[in-house]
Amino acid sequence: MLLRVPKGAGGAKINSSAVTAAITGTTVMVETHALTKKNKNSYYKFIVLEGTARLYLPGRLGESTLVKAGQMIIMRADSKMIPEPVDVDIGKIT
């Protein structure tokens, strides 16, 4: 999914089983692969193309990670922690 929330638009919240993302003035790409009988590795990928976003684990108040433009997080859907963001080449992605 590609999602753009312009500055001044009030923000958006993305909820998934893996993580919740709060975004404002941001463009992000989100990819999820659910656990199925064929796919035993469910995961969540979150890339910030512009702006910043904050990711939260459901049910774990106070634990969050800030993801800036040019950064990505990939994590298993059942992860108990959010990994540190890694840098990506936005030019190659777009």
Protein backbone atom coordinates (compact mmCIF):
# COMPACT_ATOMS: atom_id res chain seq x y z
CA MET A 1 0.00 0.00 0.00
CA LEU A 2 1.18 3.50 -0.78
CA LEU A 3 -0.24 6.12 1.58
CA ARG A 4 0.28 9.88 1.53
CA VAL A 5 -0.97 12.11 4.32
CA PRO A 6 -0.26 15.77 3.44
CA LYS A 7 0.80 18.24 6.12
CA GLY A 8 -2.23 19.84 7.73
CA ALA A 9 -4.52 16.92 6.85
CA GLY A 10 -4.80 15.79 10.47
CA GLY A 11 -2.76 12.58 10.24
CA ALA A 12 -3.63 8.93 9.86
CA LYS A 13 -3.31 5.74 11.83
CA ILE A 14 -2.57 2.33 10.32
CA ASN A 15 -3.51 -0.66 12.46
CA SER A 16 -2.30 -4.18 11.76
CA SER A 17 -1.81 -7.30 13.83
CA ALA A 18 1.95 -6.59 13.91
CA VAL A 19 2.14 -2.86 14.63
CA THR A 20 0.28 0.44 14.69
CA ALA A 21 1.70 3.41 12.75
CA ALA A 22 0.88 7.05 13.43
CA ILE A 23 1.70 9.32 10.51
CA THR A 24 1.25 12.96 9.58
CA GLY A 25 2.76 14.94 6.70
CA THR A 26 4.21 11.66 5.48
CA THR A 27 4.32 9.29 2.51
CA VAL A 28 4.80 5.62 3.36
CA MET A 29 4.76 2.21 1.72
CA VAL A 30 3.45 -0.77 3.68
CA GLU A 31 3.67 -4.44 2.76
CA THR A 32 2.28 -7.34 4.75
CA HIS A 33 2.37 -11.06 4.20
CA ALA A 34 -0.06 -12.95 6.35
CA LEU A 35 0.52 -16.36 7.87
CA THR A 36 -1.13 -19.06 5.75
CA LYS A 37 -0.79 -22.81 5.37
CA LYS A 38 1.63 -22.25 2.48
CA ASN A 39 3.44 -19.24 3.95
CA LYS A 40 4.84 -19.86 7.44
CA ASN A 41 6.76 -16.56 7.55
CA SER A 42 4.33 -13.69 8.05
CA TYR A 43 6.01 -10.30 8.11
CA TYR A 44 5.43 -6.56 7.98
CA LYS A 45 7.50 -4.07 5.95
CA PHE A 46 7.18 -0.31 6.49
CA ILE A 47 9.11 2.26 4.40
CA VAL A 48 8.97 6.04 4.91
CA LEU A 49 9.44 7.95 1.65
CA GLU A 50 8.94 11.44 3.11
CA GLY A 51 8.33 12.80 6.60
CA THR A 52 8.40 10.64 9.71
CA ALA A 53 6.24 7.96 11.28
CA ARG A 54 6.05 6.39 14.72
CA LEU A 55 5.45 2.64 15.03
CA TYR A 56 3.92 1.06 18.14
CA LEU A 57 3.48 -2.57 19.13
CA PRO A 58 -0.14 -3.39 19.99
CA GLY A 59 -0.68 -3.75 23.74
CA ARG A 60 2.81 -2.51 24.68
CA LEU A 61 2.35 1.08 25.83
CA GLY A 62 5.40 3.30 25.73
CA GLU A 63 7.36 1.16 23.27
CA SER A 64 7.71 2.85 19.92
CA THR A 65 10.20 3.52 17.14
CA LEU A 66 10.54 6.65 15.03
CA VAL A 67 11.09 5.95 11.32
CA LYS A 68 12.38 8.81 9.17
CA ALA A 69 12.38 9.40 5.41
CA GLY A 70 14.71 6.93 3.73
CA GLN A 71 14.32 4.32 6.45
CA MET A 72 12.59 0.94 6.58
CA ILE A 73 11.54 -1.59 9.17
CA ILE A 74 10.97 -5.26 8.40
CA MET A 75 9.69 -7.45 11.20
CA ARG A 76 7.89 -10.70 11.78
CA ALA A 77 4.19 -10.21 12.47
CA ASP A 78 4.55 -11.97 15.83
CA SER A 79 7.60 -9.96 16.93
CA LYS A 80 7.76 -8.78 20.55
CA MET A 81 9.93 -5.78 19.66
CA ILE A 82 10.34 -3.33 16.80
CA PRO A 83 13.81 -3.55 15.24
CA GLU A 84 15.93 -0.48 14.56
CA PRO A 85 15.20 1.12 11.16
CA VAL A 86 17.64 0.54 8.31
CA ASP A 87 18.46 2.99 5.54
CA VAL A 88 17.06 2.47 2.02
CA ASP A 89 17.65 4.18 -1.31
CA ILE A 90 14.44 6.13 -1.98
CA GLY A 91 15.53 6.80 -5.58
CA LYS A 92 15.63 3.08 -6.35
CA ILE A 93 12.29 2.49 -4.64
CA THR A 94 10.49 5.25 -6.54
